[in-house]
């Protein structure tokens, strides 16, 4: 009888340790997924930063081209049209390039990824 009780206790301890090991393996898998997700988010952020730089370059070139063309057409355009074109270009420059205006979704994607539980089962 004593041997049987000892066997049951050993079996209980072994099963408990086995469950704990399984939980640790699951936790390790979640950590590996987190590392992969973090690496993907960092890569995405670098790409979006590069895209932002490219967009800024294109915008500067576009505005420079417009203002260059606009200044050369000043003698050929009627004064009202010339003033309207300049006003609309300056308005666009002021409204679309303010600090709170985002040309792409990098900041909103970053916020969305940070609020999601990364260790959720996929």
Protein backbone atom coordinates (compact mmCIF):
# COMPACT_ATOMS: atom_id res chain seq x y z
CA UNK A 1 0.00 0.00 0.00
CA UNK A 2 2.78 2.38 0.89
CA UNK A 3 4.53 1.65 -2.42
CA UNK A 4 1.34 2.38 -4.34
CA UNK A 5 0.87 5.74 -2.63
CA UNK A 6 4.51 6.62 -3.33
CA UNK A 7 4.02 5.68 -7.02
CA UNK A 8 0.93 7.92 -7.20
CA UNK A 9 2.77 10.82 -5.62
CA UNK A 10 5.70 10.39 -8.02
CA UNK A 11 3.30 10.21 -10.95
CA UNK A 12 1.55 13.39 -9.76
CA UNK A 13 4.88 15.25 -9.43
CA UNK A 14 6.07 14.04 -12.83
CA UNK A 15 2.78 15.08 -14.47
CA UNK A 16 2.96 18.50 -12.81
CA UNK A 17 6.51 18.99 -14.05
CA UNK A 18 5.52 17.81 -17.50
CA UNK A 19 2.71 20.38 -17.63
CA UNK A 20 5.10 23.08 -16.43
CA UNK A 21 7.58 22.13 -19.16
CA UNK A 22 4.81 22.30 -21.77
CA UNK A 23 3.85 25.76 -20.52
CA UNK A 24 7.49 26.87 -20.75
CA UNK A 25 7.70 25.57 -24.33
CA UNK A 26 4.55 27.52 -25.24
CA UNK A 27 5.98 30.62 -23.60
CA UNK A 28 9.23 30.20 -25.53
CA UNK A 29 7.28 29.92 -28.80
CA UNK A 30 5.43 33.13 -27.96
CA UNK A 31 8.73 34.88 -27.24
CA UNK A 32 10.13 33.76 -30.60
CA UNK A 33 6.99 35.07 -32.34
CA UNK A 34 7.39 38.36 -30.48
CA UNK A 35 10.99 38.67 -31.64
CA UNK A 36 9.93 38.03 -35.22
CA UNK A 37 7.08 40.53 -34.97
CA UNK A 38 9.40 43.16 -33.46
CA UNK A 39 11.93 42.60 -36.24
CA UNK A 40 9.19 43.02 -38.86
CA UNK A 41 7.92 46.20 -37.20
CA UNK A 42 11.44 47.68 -37.09
CA UNK A 43 11.97 46.82 -40.76
CA UNK A 44 8.60 48.35 -41.62
CA UNK A 45 9.45 51.53 -39.70
CA UNK A 46 12.77 51.86 -41.57
CA UNK A 47 10.99 51.41 -44.89
CA UNK A 48 8.36 53.98 -43.97
CA UNK A 49 11.08 56.44 -42.92
CA UNK A 50 12.75 55.93 -46.29
CA UNK A 51 9.41 56.39 -48.02
CA UNK A 52 8.85 59.61 -46.07
CA UNK A 53 12.23 60.92 -47.19
CA UNK A 54 11.42 60.03 -50.79
CA UNK A 55 8.02 61.73 -50.57
CA UNK A 56 9.64 64.88 -49.17
CA UNK A 57 12.15 64.89 -52.03
CA UNK A 58 9.39 64.55 -54.62
CA UNK A 59 7.37 67.33 -52.96
CA UNK A 60 10.33 69.70 -52.88
CA UNK A 61 11.08 68.99 -56.53
CA UNK A 62 7.42 69.48 -57.45
CA UNK A 63 7.08 72.77 -55.62
CA UNK A 64 10.42 74.00 -56.99
CA UNK A 65 9.29 73.10 -60.50
CA UNK A 66 5.95 74.81 -60.04
CA UNK A 67 7.40 78.00 -58.60
CA UNK A 68 10.08 78.04 -61.32
CA UNK A 69 7.46 77.69 -64.06
CA UNK A 70 5.17 80.14 -62.30
CA UNK A 71 7.88 82.80 -62.12
CA UNK A 72 8.77 82.41 -65.81
CA UNK A 73 5.12 82.72 -66.85
CA UNK A 74 4.54 85.96 -64.92
CA UNK A 75 4.72 88.23 -68.01
CA UNK A 76 2.45 85.91 -70.04
CA UNK A 77 -0.37 85.34 -67.53
CA UNK A 78 -3.09 87.80 -66.63
CA UNK A 79 -2.41 89.32 -63.20
CA UNK A 80 -5.48 87.74 -61.57
CA UNK A 81 -4.61 84.23 -62.83
CA UNK A 82 -0.98 84.70 -61.84
CA UNK A 83 -2.01 85.78 -58.32
CA UNK A 84 -4.56 82.94 -58.03
CA UNK A 85 -1.98 80.32 -59.03
CA UNK A 86 0.52 81.69 -56.53
CA UNK A 87 -2.09 81.87 -53.78
CA UNK A 88 -3.24 78.28 -54.38
CA UNK A 89 0.34 76.98 -54.44
CA UNK A 90 1.20 78.76 -51.20
CA UNK A 91 -2.05 77.56 -49.63
CA UNK A 92 -1.23 73.98 -50.65
CA UNK A 93 2.29 74.36 -49.31
CA UNK A 94 1.04 75.65 -45.96
CA UNK A 95 -1.88 73.25 -45.48
CA UNK A 96 -0.33 70.01 -46.71
CA UNK A 97 3.05 70.42 -45.04
CA UNK A 98 2.07 71.26 -41.49
CA UNK A 99 3.59 69.05 -38.77
CA UNK A 100 0.32 67.25 -37.92
CA UNK A 101 -0.41 66.22 -41.51
CA UNK A 102 0.75 62.70 -42.37
CA UNK A 103 1.47 61.86 -45.99
CA UNK A 104 1.49 58.15 -45.21
CA UNK A 105 0.21 55.85 -42.52
CA UNK A 106 3.47 55.05 -40.74
CA UNK A 107 2.54 56.66 -37.45
CA UNK A 108 -0.97 55.22 -37.39
CA UNK A 109 0.34 51.74 -38.27
CA UNK A 110 2.99 51.96 -35.58
CA UNK A 111 0.33 52.90 -33.01
CA UNK A 112 -1.93 50.07 -34.16
CA UNK A 113 0.87 47.50 -33.91
CA UNK A 114 1.84 48.68 -30.44
CA UNK A 115 -1.71 48.31 -29.13
CA UNK A 116 -2.20 44.78 -30.49
CA UNK A 117 -1.28 41.87 -28.23
CA UNK A 118 1.72 40.41 -30.02
CA UNK A 119 1.60 37.08 -28.21
CA UNK A 120 -1.91 36.28 -29.41
CA UNK A 121 -2.28 32.93 -31.09
CA UNK A 122 -2.34 33.28 -34.86
